[in-house]
C-alpha atoms as a PDB file:
ATOM      1  CA  UNK A   1       3.295  23.932   9.437  1.00  0.00           C
ATOM      2  CA  UNK A   2       6.904  23.533  10.616  1.00  0.00           C
ATOM      3  CA  UNK A   3       8.462  21.432   8.251  1.00  0.00           C
ATOM      4  CA  UNK A   4      10.851  18.373   9.413  1.00  0.00           C
ATOM      5  CA  UNK A   5      14.786  18.913   8.887  1.00  0.00           C
ATOM      6  CA  UNK A   6      16.272  15.396   8.229  1.00  0.00           C
ATOM      7  CA  UNK A   7      16.754  14.844  11.737  1.00  0.00           C
ATOM      8  CA  UNK A   8      13.638  16.600  12.758  1.00  0.00           C
ATOM      9  CA  UNK A   9      10.251  15.821  13.871  1.00  0.00           C
ATOM     10  CA  UNK A  10       8.269  13.365  11.641  1.00  0.00           C
ATOM     11  CA  UNK A  11       4.632  14.601  10.986  1.00  0.00           C
ATOM     12  CA  UNK A  12       1.885  12.557   9.446  1.00  0.00           C
ATOM     13  CA  UNK A  13      -0.966  14.546   8.431  1.00  0.00           C
ATOM     14  CA  UNK A  14      -4.219  13.993   6.663  1.00  0.00           C
ATOM     15  CA  UNK A  15      -5.746  16.857   4.362  1.00  0.00           C
ATOM     16  CA  UNK A  16      -9.452  16.340   4.043  1.00  0.00           C
ATOM     17  CA  UNK A  17     -11.110  18.703   1.466  1.00  0.00           C
ATOM     18  CA  UNK A  18     -14.232  18.926  -0.289  1.00  0.00           C
ATOM     19  CA  UNK A  19     -13.582  21.667  -3.211  1.00  0.00           C
ATOM     20  CA  UNK A  20     -10.865  23.024  -5.333  1.00  0.00           C
ATOM     21  CA  UNK A  21     -10.915  25.727  -3.191  1.00  0.00           C
ATOM     22  CA  UNK A  22     -10.512  24.224  -0.040  1.00  0.00           C
ATOM     23  CA  UNK A  23      -7.506  22.181  -1.444  1.00  0.00           C
ATOM     24  CA  UNK A  24      -5.897  25.662  -2.219  1.00  0.00           C
ATOM     25  CA  UNK A  25      -6.346  26.527   0.960  1.00  0.00           C
ATOM     26  CA  UNK A  26      -5.129  24.067   3.258  1.00  0.00           C
ATOM     27  CA  UNK A  27      -2.086  23.062   0.587  1.00  0.00           C
ATOM     28  CA  UNK A  28      -0.807  26.690  -0.525  1.00  0.00           C
ATOM     29  CA  UNK A  29       0.387  27.576   2.988  1.00  0.00           C
ATOM     30  CA  UNK A  30       2.382  24.368   3.352  1.00  0.00           C
ATOM     31  CA  UNK A  31       4.118  24.391  -0.213  1.00  0.00           C
ATOM     32  CA  UNK A  32       4.934  28.152   0.203  1.00  0.00           C
ATOM     33  CA  UNK A  33       6.326  27.535   3.468  1.00  0.00           C
ATOM     34  CA  UNK A  34       8.627  24.617   1.929  1.00  0.00           C
ATOM     35  CA  UNK A  35       9.593  26.510  -1.025  1.00  0.00           C
ATOM     36  CA  UNK A  36      10.661  29.277   1.365  1.00  0.00           C
ATOM     37  CA  UNK A  37      12.824  27.315   3.096  1.00  0.00           C
ATOM     38  CA  UNK A  38      14.244  25.693  -0.402  1.00  0.00           C
ATOM     39  CA  UNK A  39      13.114  22.229   0.519  1.00  0.00           C
ATOM     40  CA  UNK A  40      12.594  19.356  -2.049  1.00  0.00           C
ATOM     41  CA  UNK A  41       9.029  19.208  -2.268  1.00  0.00           C
ATOM     42  CA  UNK A  42       7.691  15.791  -3.802  1.00  0.00           C
ATOM     43  CA  UNK A  43       4.073  15.253  -4.658  1.00  0.00           C
ATOM     44  CA  UNK A  44       2.423  11.996  -6.210  1.00  0.00           C
ATOM     45  CA  UNK A  45      -0.961  12.639  -6.444  1.00  0.00           C
ATOM     46  CA  UNK A  46      -3.944  12.638  -8.569  1.00  0.00           C
ATOM     47  CA  UNK A  47      -4.284  14.389 -11.985  1.00  0.00           C
ATOM     48  CA  UNK A  48      -6.939  16.901 -10.845  1.00  0.00           C
ATOM     49  CA  UNK A  49      -5.008  18.096  -7.462  1.00  0.00           C
ATOM     50  CA  UNK A  50      -2.131  18.421  -9.221  1.00  0.00           C
ATOM     51  CA  UNK A  51      -3.923  20.656 -12.012  1.00  0.00           C
ATOM     52  CA  UNK A  52      -5.523  23.095  -8.766  1.00  0.00           C
ATOM     53  CA  UNK A  53      -1.970  23.023  -7.134  1.00  0.00           C
ATOM     54  CA  UNK A  54       0.058  23.667 -10.312  1.00  0.00           C
ATOM     55  CA  UNK A  55      -2.470  26.866 -11.231  1.00  0.00           C
ATOM     56  CA  UNK A  56      -2.354  28.230  -7.510  1.00  0.00           C
ATOM     57  CA  UNK A  57       1.382  28.065  -7.552  1.00  0.00           C
ATOM     58  CA  UNK A  58       1.675  29.647 -10.986  1.00  0.00           C
ATOM     59  CA  UNK A  59       5.815  29.554 -12.047  1.00  0.00           C
ATOM     60  CA  UNK A  60       6.693  28.278  -8.616  1.00  0.00           C
ATOM     61  CA  UNK A  61       4.898  24.821  -9.829  1.00  0.00           C
ATOM     62  CA  UNK A  62       8.116  24.499 -11.376  1.00  0.00           C
ATOM     63  CA  UNK A  63       9.994  24.248  -8.147  1.00  0.00           C
ATOM     64  CA  UNK A  64       7.800  21.130  -6.996  1.00  0.00           C
ATOM     65  CA  UNK A  65       8.846  17.373  -8.071  1.00  0.00           C
ATOM     66  CA  UNK A  66       5.731  16.110  -9.332  1.00  0.00           C
ATOM     67  CA  UNK A  67       6.602  12.338  -9.356  1.00  0.00           C
ATOM     68  CA  UNK A  68       9.646  10.439  -8.691  1.00  0.00           C
ATOM     69  CA  UNK A  69      11.315   6.964 -10.290  1.00  0.00           C
ATOM     70  CA  UNK A  70       9.931   4.003  -8.379  1.00  0.00           C
ATOM     71  CA  UNK A  71       7.048   6.032  -6.297  1.00  0.00           C
ATOM     72  CA  UNK A  72       3.655   5.174  -8.029  1.00  0.00           C
ATOM     73  CA  UNK A  73       0.370   3.742  -6.758  1.00  0.00           C
ATOM     74  CA  UNK A  74       0.245   0.834  -9.522  1.00  0.00           C
ATOM     75  CA  UNK A  75       1.168  -1.600  -6.699  1.00  0.00           C
ATOM     76  CA  UNK A  76       0.292  -0.657  -3.286  1.00  0.00           C
ATOM     77  CA  UNK A  77       3.209  -2.723  -1.676  1.00  0.00           C
ATOM     78  CA  UNK A  78       5.581  -1.005  -4.438  1.00  0.00           C
ATOM     79  CA  UNK A  79       4.316   2.137  -3.599  1.00  0.00           C
ATOM     80  CA  UNK A  80       4.629   1.911   0.182  1.00  0.00           C
ATOM     81  CA  UNK A  81       8.312   0.615  -0.590  1.00  0.00           C
ATOM     82  CA  UNK A  82       8.981   3.072  -3.101  1.00  0.00           C
ATOM     83  CA  UNK A  83       8.202   6.071  -0.414  1.00  0.00           C
ATOM     84  CA  UNK A  84      10.277   4.644   1.742  1.00  0.00           C
ATOM     85  CA  UNK A  85      13.147   4.196  -0.260  1.00  0.00           C
ATOM     86  CA  UNK A  86      12.752   7.779  -1.537  1.00  0.00           C
ATOM     87  CA  UNK A  87      12.882   9.117   2.353  1.00  0.00           C
ATOM     88  CA  UNK A  88      16.039   7.265   3.124  1.00  0.00           C
ATOM     89  CA  UNK A  89      17.802   8.647   0.138  1.00  0.00           C
ATOM     90  CA  UNK A  90      16.617  12.327   0.968  1.00  0.00           C
ATOM     91  CA  UNK A  91      17.879  11.441   5.001  1.00  0.00           C
ATOM     92  CA  UNK A  92      21.263   9.604   3.779  1.00  0.00           C
ATOM     93  CA  UNK A  93      22.024  13.234   1.333  1.00  0.00           C
ATOM     94  CA  UNK A  94      20.506  15.428   4.463  1.00  0.00           C
ATOM     95  CA  UNK A  95      18.219  17.067   2.129  1.00  0.00           C
ATOM     96  CA  UNK A  96      15.451  18.708   3.649  1.00  0.00           C
ATOM     97  CA  UNK A  97      12.271  17.360   2.198  1.00  0.00           C
ATOM     98  CA  UNK A  98       8.329  16.985   2.393  1.00  0.00           C
ATOM     99  CA  UNK A  99       6.210  15.019   0.682  1.00  0.00           C
ATOM    100  CA  UNK A 100       2.588  15.033  -0.372  1.00  0.00           C
ATOM    101  CA  UNK A 101       0.535  11.687  -1.728  1.00  0.00           C
ATOM    102  CA  UNK A 102      -2.465  10.893  -2.582  1.00  0.00           C
ATOM    103  CA  UNK A 103      -4.022   7.259  -3.821  1.00  0.00           C
ATOM    104  CA  UNK A 104      -5.880   7.150  -7.273  1.00  0.00           C
ATOM    105  CA  UNK A 105      -9.566   7.768  -6.621  1.00  0.00           C
ATOM    106  CA  UNK A 106     -11.158   5.091  -8.814  1.00  0.00           C
ATOM    107  CA  UNK A 107      -9.596   2.340  -6.319  1.00  0.00           C
ATOM    108  CA  UNK A 108     -11.180  -0.780  -6.000  1.00  0.00           C
ATOM    109  CA  UNK A 109     -12.528  -0.548  -1.733  1.00  0.00           C
ATOM    110  CA  UNK A 110     -10.132  -3.632  -1.071  1.00  0.00           C
ATOM    111  CA  UNK A 111      -7.050  -1.446  -2.495  1.00  0.00           C
ATOM    112  CA  UNK A 112      -8.661   1.670  -0.257  1.00  0.00           C
ATOM    113  CA  UNK A 113      -8.499  -0.664   2.855  1.00  0.00           C
ATOM    114  CA  UNK A 114      -4.992  -2.115   2.040  1.00  0.00           C
ATOM    115  CA  UNK A 115      -3.889   1.708   1.317  1.00  0.00           C
ATOM    116  CA  UNK A 116      -5.223   2.553   4.685  1.00  0.00           C
ATOM    117  CA  UNK A 117      -3.252   0.234   6.459  1.00  0.00           C
ATOM    118  CA  UNK A 118      -0.065   1.080   4.967  1.00  0.00           C
ATOM    119  CA  UNK A 119      -1.111   4.973   5.713  1.00  0.00           C
ATOM    120  CA  UNK A 120      -0.857   3.507   9.627  1.00  0.00           C
ATOM    121  CA  UNK A 121       2.026   1.545   9.200  1.00  0.00           C
ATOM    122  CA  UNK A 122       3.658   4.742   7.843  1.00  0.00           C
ATOM    123  CA  UNK A 123       3.463   6.416  10.889  1.00  0.00           C
ATOM    124  CA  UNK A 124       6.189   3.831  12.536  1.00  0.00           C
ATOM    125  CA  UNK A 125       8.269   3.097   8.945  1.00  0.00           C
ATOM    126  CA  UNK A 126       8.205   6.924   8.033  1.00  0.00           C
ATOM    127  CA  UNK A 127       9.064   8.463  10.968  1.00  0.00           C
ATOM    128  CA  UNK A 128      12.866   7.931  11.625  1.00  0.00           C
ATOM    129  CA  UNK A 129      13.489  10.010   8.489  1.00  0.00           C
ATOM    130  CA  UNK A 130      12.110  13.146  10.313  1.00  0.00           C
ATOM    131  CA  UNK A 131      10.171  14.614   7.173  1.00  0.00           C
ATOM    132  CA  UNK A 132       6.953  16.162   7.050  1.00  0.00           C
ATOM    133  CA  UNK A 133       4.086  13.507   5.020  1.00  0.00           C
ATOM    134  CA  UNK A 134       0.707  15.140   4.096  1.00  0.00           C
ATOM    135  CA  UNK A 135      -1.822  12.747   2.485  1.00  0.00           C
ATOM    136  CA  UNK A 136      -4.646  14.225   0.357  1.00  0.00           C
ATOM    137  CA  UNK A 137      -8.125  12.798   0.840  1.00  0.00           C
ATOM    138  CA  UNK A 138     -11.229  14.342  -1.552  1.00  0.00           C
ATOM    139  CA  UNK A 139     -14.231  13.854   0.648  1.00  0.00           C
ATOM    140  CA  UNK A 140     -16.242  13.823  -2.444  1.00  0.00           C
ATOM    141  CA  UNK A 141     -15.200  10.470  -3.548  1.00  0.00           C
ATOM    142  CA  UNK A 142     -15.245   8.813  -0.235  1.00  0.00           C
ATOM    143  CA  UNK A 143     -17.860   7.115   2.240  1.00  0.00           C
ATOM    144  CA  UNK A 144     -18.313   8.392   5.370  1.00  0.00           C
ATOM    145  CA  UNK A 145     -16.770   5.412   7.103  1.00  0.00           C
ATOM    146  CA  UNK A 146     -13.705   5.438   4.799  1.00  0.00           C
ATOM    147  CA  UNK A 147     -12.932   9.083   6.151  1.00  0.00           C
ATOM    148  CA  UNK A 148     -13.283   7.649   9.566  1.00  0.00           C
ATOM    149  CA  UNK A 149     -10.558   5.284   8.639  1.00  0.00           C
ATOM    150  CA  UNK A 150      -8.284   8.050   7.297  1.00  0.00           C
ATOM    151  CA  UNK A 151      -8.752  10.066  10.471  1.00  0.00           C
ATOM    152  CA  UNK A 152      -8.038   7.178  12.459  1.00  0.00           C
ATOM    153  CA  UNK A 153      -4.299   6.120  10.828  1.00  0.00           C
ATOM    154  CA  UNK A 154      -3.377   9.792  11.044  1.00  0.00           C
ATOM    155  CA  UNK A 155      -2.057  11.518  14.021  1.00  0.00           C
ATOM    156  CA  UNK A 156      -2.948  14.845  13.055  1.00  0.00           C
ATOM    157  CA  UNK A 157      -5.228  16.380  10.264  1.00  0.00           C
ATOM    158  CA  UNK A 158      -4.610  19.556   8.425  1.00  0.00           C
ATOM    159  CA  UNK A 159      -6.468  22.775   8.954  1.00  0.00           C
ATOM    160  CA  UNK A 160      -6.181  26.281   7.437  1.00  0.00           C
ATOM    161  CA  UNK A 161      -4.179  27.060  10.517  1.00  0.00           C
ATOM    162  CA  UNK A 162      -2.041  24.337  10.276  1.00  0.00           C
ATOM    163  CA  UNK A 163      -1.923  20.552  11.673  1.00  0.00           C
ATOM    164  CA  UNK A 164      -4.272  19.946  14.562  1.00  0.00           C
ATOM    165  CA  UNK A 165      -4.290  16.291  16.532  1.00  0.00           C
ATOM    166  CA  UNK A 166      -6.964  13.923  15.372  1.00  0.00           C
ATOM    167  CA  UNK A 167      -8.947  12.627  18.359  1.00  0.00           C
ATOM    168  CA  UNK A 168      -9.608   9.315  16.228  1.00  0.00           C
ATOM    169  CA  UNK A 169      -6.032   8.091  16.024  1.00  0.00           C
ATOM    170  CA  UNK A 170      -5.304   4.589  16.752  1.00  0.00           C
ATOM    171  CA  UNK A 171      -1.347   2.963  17.264  1.00  0.00           C
ATOM    172  CA  UNK A 172      -0.644   0.914  14.017  1.00  0.00           C
ATOM    173  CA  UNK A 173      -0.669  -2.259  16.105  1.00  0.00           C
ATOM    174  CA  UNK A 174      -4.243  -1.259  17.125  1.00  0.00           C
ATOM    175  CA  UNK A 175      -5.852  -0.174  13.796  1.00  0.00           C
ATOM    176  CA  UNK A 176      -4.455  -3.201  11.819  1.00  0.00           C
ATOM    177  CA  UNK A 177      -5.408  -5.750  14.260  1.00  0.00           C
ATOM    178  CA  UNK A 178      -9.177  -4.209  14.428  1.00  0.00           C
ATOM    179  CA  UNK A 179      -9.293  -3.904  10.592  1.00  0.00           C
ATOM    180  CA  UNK A 180      -8.400  -7.493   9.547  1.00  0.00           C
ATOM    181  CA  UNK A 181     -11.437  -8.129   7.179  1.00  0.00           C
ATOM    182  CA  UNK A 182     -12.254 -11.864   6.418  1.00  0.00           C
ATOM    183  CA  UNK A 183     -11.320 -13.006   2.837  1.00  0.00           C
ATOM    184  CA  UNK A 184     -13.852 -12.573   0.086  1.00  0.00           C
ATOM    185  CA  UNK A 185     -15.520 -15.836  -0.880  1.00  0.00           C
ATOM    186  CA  UNK A 186     -13.759 -17.479  -3.893  1.00  0.00           C
ATOM    187  CA  UNK A 187     -16.382 -18.108  -6.965  1.00  0.00           C
ATOM    188  CA  UNK A 188     -17.997 -21.385  -8.202  1.00  0.00           C
ATOM    189  CA  UNK A 189     -15.831 -21.185 -11.279  1.00  0.00           C
ATOM    190  CA  UNK A 190     -12.107 -21.206 -10.759  1.00  0.00           C
ATOM    191  CA  UNK A 191      -9.249 -21.155 -13.436  1.00  0.00           C
ATOM    192  CA  UNK A 192      -6.902 -22.838 -10.855  1.00  0.00           C
ATOM    193  CA  UNK A 193      -6.592 -25.178  -7.983  1.00  0.00           C
ATOM    194  CA  UNK A 194      -3.448 -26.580  -6.938  1.00  0.00           C
ATOM    195  CA  UNK A 195      -3.319 -28.839  -3.405  1.00  0.00           C
ATOM    196  CA  UNK A 196      -0.093 -28.888  -1.914  1.00  0.00           C
ATOM    197  CA  UNK A 197       0.955 -31.833   0.628  1.00  0.00           C
ATOM    198  CA  UNK A 198       4.770 -30.732   0.730  1.00  0.00           C
ATOM    199  CA  UNK A 199       7.485 -28.756  -0.971  1.00  0.00           C
ATOM    200  CA  UNK A 200       7.785 -31.301  -3.436  1.00  0.00           C
ATOM    201  CA  UNK A 201       4.452 -29.991  -4.918  1.00  0.00           C
ATOM    202  CA  UNK A 202       5.598 -26.509  -5.364  1.00  0.00           C
ATOM    203  CA  UNK A 203       7.629 -26.853  -8.953  1.00  0.00           C
ATOM    204  CA  UNK A 204       4.050 -28.082 -10.268  1.00  0.00           C
ATOM    205  CA  UNK A 205       2.436 -24.761  -8.631  1.00  0.00           C
ATOM    206  CA  UNK A 206       5.090 -22.743 -10.120  1.00  0.00           C
ATOM    207  CA  UNK A 207       4.671 -24.237 -13.825  1.00  0.00           C
ATOM    208  CA  UNK A 208       0.535 -23.866 -13.415  1.00  0.00           C
ATOM    209  CA  UNK A 209       0.860 -20.308 -12.141  1.00  0.00           C
ATOM    210  CA  UNK A 210       3.049 -19.237 -15.026  1.00  0.00           C
ATOM    211  CA  UNK A 211       0.588 -21.131 -17.697  1.00  0.00           C
ATOM    212  CA  UNK A 212      -2.178 -19.429 -15.927  1.00  0.00           C
ATOM    213  CA  UNK A 213      -0.317 -15.798 -16.325  1.00  0.00           C
ATOM    214  CA  UNK A 214       0.262 -16.359 -19.882  1.00  0.00           C
ATOM    215  CA  UNK A 215      -3.299 -17.480 -20.636  1.00  0.00           C
ATOM    216  CA  UNK A 216      -4.454 -14.371 -18.622  1.00  0.00           C
ATOM    217  CA  UNK A 217      -2.192 -12.240 -20.995  1.00  0.00           C
ATOM    218  CA  UNK A 218       0.182 -11.070 -18.758  1.00  0.00           C
ATOM    219  CA  UNK A 219       3.401  -9.896 -19.310  1.00  0.00           C
ATOM    220  CA  UNK A 220       6.663 -11.825 -18.820  1.00  0.00           C
ATOM    221  CA  UNK A 221       7.438  -9.774 -15.615  1.00  0.00           C
ATOM    222  CA  UNK A 222       4.002  -9.651 -14.130  1.00  0.00           C
ATOM    223  CA  UNK A 223       3.717 -13.406 -14.533  1.00  0.00           C
ATOM    224  CA  UNK A 224       6.617 -13.660 -12.755  1.00  0.00           C
ATOM    225  CA  UNK A 225       5.656 -11.495 -10.119  1.00  0.00           C
ATOM    226  CA  UNK A 226       2.562 -13.937  -9.578  1.00  0.00           C
ATOM    227  CA  UNK A 227       4.667 -16.882  -9.502  1.00  0.00           C
ATOM    228  CA  UNK A 228       7.159 -15.374  -6.826  1.00  0.00           C
ATOM    229  CA  UNK A 229       4.680 -13.909  -4.588  1.00  0.00           C
ATOM    230  CA  UNK A 230       2.439 -16.971  -4.340  1.00  0.00           C
ATOM    231  CA  UNK A 231       5.582 -19.195  -4.216  1.00  0.00           C
ATOM    232  CA  UNK A 232       6.627 -17.322  -1.372  1.00  0.00           C
ATOM    233  CA  UNK A 233       3.376 -17.610   0.382  1.00  0.00           C
ATOM    234  CA  UNK A 234       2.654 -21.230  -0.322  1.00  0.00           C
ATOM    235  CA  UNK A 235       6.099 -22.209   1.019  1.00  0.00           C
ATOM    236  CA  UNK A 236       5.138 -20.092   4.358  1.00  0.00           C
ATOM    237  CA  UNK A 237       1.848 -22.375   4.435  1.00  0.00           C
ATOM    238  CA  UNK A 238       3.953 -25.544   3.985  1.00  0.00           C
ATOM    239  CA  UNK A 239       6.691 -24.514   6.687  1.00  0.00           C
ATOM    240  CA  UNK A 240       4.853 -22.579   9.169  1.00  0.00           C
ATOM    241  CA  UNK A 241       1.350 -23.258   8.595  1.00  0.00           C
ATOM    242  CA  UNK A 242      -0.553 -26.820   8.728  1.00  0.00           C
ATOM    243  CA  UNK A 243      -0.324 -28.830   5.510  1.00  0.00           C
ATOM    244  CA  UNK A 244      -1.686 -29.396   3.166  1.00  0.00           C
ATOM    245  CA  UNK A 245      -2.459 -26.210   1.634  1.00  0.00           C
ATOM    246  CA  UNK A 246      -4.576 -25.411  -1.483  1.00  0.00           C
ATOM    247  CA  UNK A 247      -3.969 -22.539  -3.983  1.00  0.00           C
ATOM    248  CA  UNK A 248      -7.167 -21.041  -5.887  1.00  0.00           C
ATOM    249  CA  UNK A 249      -6.881 -18.790  -8.572  1.00  0.00           C
ATOM    250  CA  UNK A 250      -9.434 -16.577 -10.564  1.00  0.00           C
ATOM    251  CA  UNK A 251      -9.872 -13.906 -12.795  1.00  0.00           C
ATOM    252  CA  UNK A 252     -11.848 -10.549 -12.741  1.00  0.00           C
ATOM    253  CA  UNK A 253     -11.812  -7.567 -15.476  1.00  0.00           C
ATOM    254  CA  UNK A 254      -9.139  -5.566 -13.551  1.00  0.00           C
ATOM    255  CA  UNK A 255      -7.153  -8.206 -11.685  1.00  0.00           C
ATOM    256  CA  UNK A 256      -6.214 -11.590 -10.886  1.00  0.00           C
ATOM    257  CA  UNK A 257      -7.134 -13.213  -7.436  1.00  0.00           C
ATOM    258  CA  UNK A 258      -5.212 -15.834  -5.757  1.00  0.00           C
ATOM    259  CA  UNK A 259      -5.786 -17.350  -2.134  1.00  0.00           C
ATOM    260  CA  UNK A 260      -3.389 -19.587  -0.155  1.00  0.00           C
ATOM    261  CA  UNK A 261      -5.244 -21.746   2.684  1.00  0.00           C
ATOM    262  CA  UNK A 262      -3.711 -23.975   5.066  1.00  0.00           C
ATOM    263  CA  UNK A 263      -5.290 -25.352   8.204  1.00  0.00           C
ATOM    264  CA  UNK A 264      -2.933 -23.770  10.923  1.00  0.00           C
ATOM    265  CA  UNK A 265      -4.671 -21.481  13.375  1.00  0.00           C
ATOM    266  CA  UNK A 266      -1.992 -19.413  14.607  1.00  0.00           C
ATOM    267  CA  UNK A 267      -2.614 -15.890  13.400  1.00  0.00           C
ATOM    268  CA  UNK A 268       0.029 -14.201  11.518  1.00  0.00           C
ATOM    269  CA  UNK A 269       0.478 -11.000  13.322  1.00  0.00           C
ATOM    270  CA  UNK A 270      -1.106  -7.873  11.883  1.00  0.00           C
ATOM    271  CA  UNK A 271       2.117  -5.998  11.374  1.00  0.00           C
ATOM    272  CA  UNK A 272       3.884  -8.712   9.722  1.00  0.00           C
ATOM    273  CA  UNK A 273       5.451  -8.122   6.147  1.00  0.00           C
ATOM    274  CA  UNK A 274       4.947  -4.201   6.132  1.00  0.00           C
ATOM    275  CA  UNK A 275       8.467  -3.731   7.351  1.00  0.00           C
ATOM    276  CA  UNK A 276      11.889  -5.024   5.022  1.00  0.00           C
ATOM    277  CA  UNK A 277      13.137  -7.910   7.503  1.00  0.00           C
ATOM    278  CA  UNK A 278      16.865  -7.572   8.222  1.00  0.00           C
ATOM    279  CA  UNK A 279      19.145  -9.890   6.418  1.00  0.00           C
ATOM    280  CA  UNK A 280      19.596 -12.250   9.252  1.00  0.00           C
ATOM    281  CA  UNK A 281      15.788 -12.499  10.054  1.00  0.00           C
ATOM    282  CA  UNK A 282      14.622 -15.856  10.292  1.00  0.00           C
ATOM    283  CA  UNK A 283      10.870 -15.076   9.347  1.00  0.00           C
ATOM    284  CA  UNK A 284       8.983 -12.476   7.780  1.00  0.00           C
ATOM    285  CA  UNK A 285      10.780 -12.242   4.567  1.00  0.00           C
ATOM    286  CA  UNK A 286       8.599 -14.373   2.328  1.00  0.00           C
ATOM    287  CA  UNK A 287       5.073 -12.488   3.355  1.00  0.00           C
ATOM    288  CA  UNK A 288       7.443  -9.056   2.746  1.00  0.00           C
ATOM    289  CA  UNK A 289       8.360  -9.737  -0.717  1.00  0.00           C
ATOM    290  CA  UNK A 290       4.488 -11.233  -1.467  1.00  0.00           C
ATOM    291  CA  UNK A 291       3.167  -7.310  -0.061  1.00  0.00           C
ATOM    292  CA  UNK A 292       5.971  -6.120  -2.536  1.00  0.00           C
ATOM    293  CA  UNK A 293       4.779  -7.907  -5.588  1.00  0.00           C
ATOM    294  CA  UNK A 294       1.042  -7.949  -5.339  1.00  0.00           C
ATOM    295  CA  UNK A 295      -1.088  -4.799  -5.265  1.00  0.00           C
ATOM    296  CA  UNK A 296      -2.862  -6.198  -2.103  1.00  0.00           C
ATOM    297  CA  UNK A 297      -2.215  -8.706   0.007  1.00  0.00           C
ATOM    298  CA  UNK A 298      -4.465  -9.750   3.521  1.00  0.00           C
ATOM    299  CA  UNK A 299      -4.508 -12.454   6.438  1.00  0.00           C
ATOM    300  CA  UNK A 300      -6.748 -14.168   8.200  1.00  0.00           C
ATOM    301  CA  UNK A 301      -6.783 -16.975  10.496  1.00  0.00           C
ATOM    302  CA  UNK A 302     -10.064 -18.586  11.767  1.00  0.00           C
ATOM    303  CA  UNK A 303     -11.554 -21.878  13.129  1.00  0.00           C
ATOM    304  CA  UNK A 304     -10.668 -23.685  10.027  1.00  0.00           C
ATOM    305  CA  UNK A 305      -7.471 -22.654   9.503  1.00  0.00           C
ATOM    306  CA  UNK A 306      -5.492 -19.371   7.968  1.00  0.00           C
ATOM    307  CA  UNK A 307      -5.936 -17.850   4.310  1.00  0.00           C
ATOM    308  CA  UNK A 308      -3.835 -15.538   2.661  1.00  0.00           C
ATOM    309  CA  UNK A 309      -5.372 -13.571  -0.249  1.00  0.00           C
ATOM    310  CA  UNK A 310      -3.533 -11.368  -3.196  1.00  0.00           C
ATOM    311  CA  UNK A 311      -4.889  -9.421  -5.508  1.00  0.00           C
ATOM    312  CA  UNK A 312      -2.749  -8.541  -9.014  1.00  0.00           C
ATOM    313  CA  UNK A 313      -3.693  -5.706 -10.989  1.00  0.00           C
ATOM    314  CA  UNK A 314      -4.259  -6.557 -14.873  1.00  0.00           C
ATOM    315  CA  UNK A 315      -3.777  -4.014 -17.807  1.00  0.00           C
ATOM    316  CA  UNK A 316      -7.235  -2.980 -18.675  1.00  0.00           C
ATOM    317  CA  UNK A 317      -8.739  -4.396 -21.935  1.00  0.00           C
ATOM    318  CA  UNK A 318      -7.366  -8.159 -21.422  1.00  0.00           C
ATOM    319  CA  UNK A 319     -10.075 -10.873 -21.985  1.00  0.00           C
ATOM    320  CA  UNK A 320     -11.208 -12.941 -19.084  1.00  0.00           C
ATOM    321  CA  UNK A 321      -9.405 -16.396 -19.332  1.00  0.00           C
END
């Protein structure tokens, strides 16, 4: 695989593997080439994949950067922005770089679906930096339909001889438009229901969100993030949708869920909120902020209006409110 220089060609490749041996066969040439060229290599991957590759590299493993500050998979919006920020920093410094990423294997299906949408948008947002990016996918842990989506969001697939074109690749705007799922049905027993007729009701919403976060045992920063993200989406619903709006929240063992509904029937463009808006942008900032703070955010517009659904991860072991 030819490595990208700071002004070189962006390459976005999926490495699908089904065994430790196949992972080594696919990735060692990629890693060896980068090390020979004295490039910086960032690998943010699963513990299992890290172990396999470190063992294969031997002493050279210490030359690989296994993780970076601000780049993690705890929240998908922050993950995506973290990688973009890292690439931008390397590009500004003129450092030759290549990246390996891998979603944690135990992710909930809605996280996997959201991650694939981010993978699709990476083809536009990471491209200007001119660095190669390889994404690992362990075929033993995903259903065939998920792997079909993997091939659809990566222009190339990694073979032992190098990258080959993916015949199933879709342009980001087409992929995102085709893969906007309907929001999950809210449970009967809700923790939070707030009806909003105008911006005058937003203060009450913020107070109830904060109280709910505290009851759920969320930390101060996590609660702040929920309040900010939901407030941004509710404000959008009142300003750009069609009031009244309704905010509903409920709790699961691993996450807090919030849905914001309004009666507007103008579809939110599928690519909205993935790219940082310019400082003079009139619209798009609220949903970008919410994507950054939530783990998962999805939008859906149907005959009865528009729904924005958000998932916020919660620490393991917390009791359900």
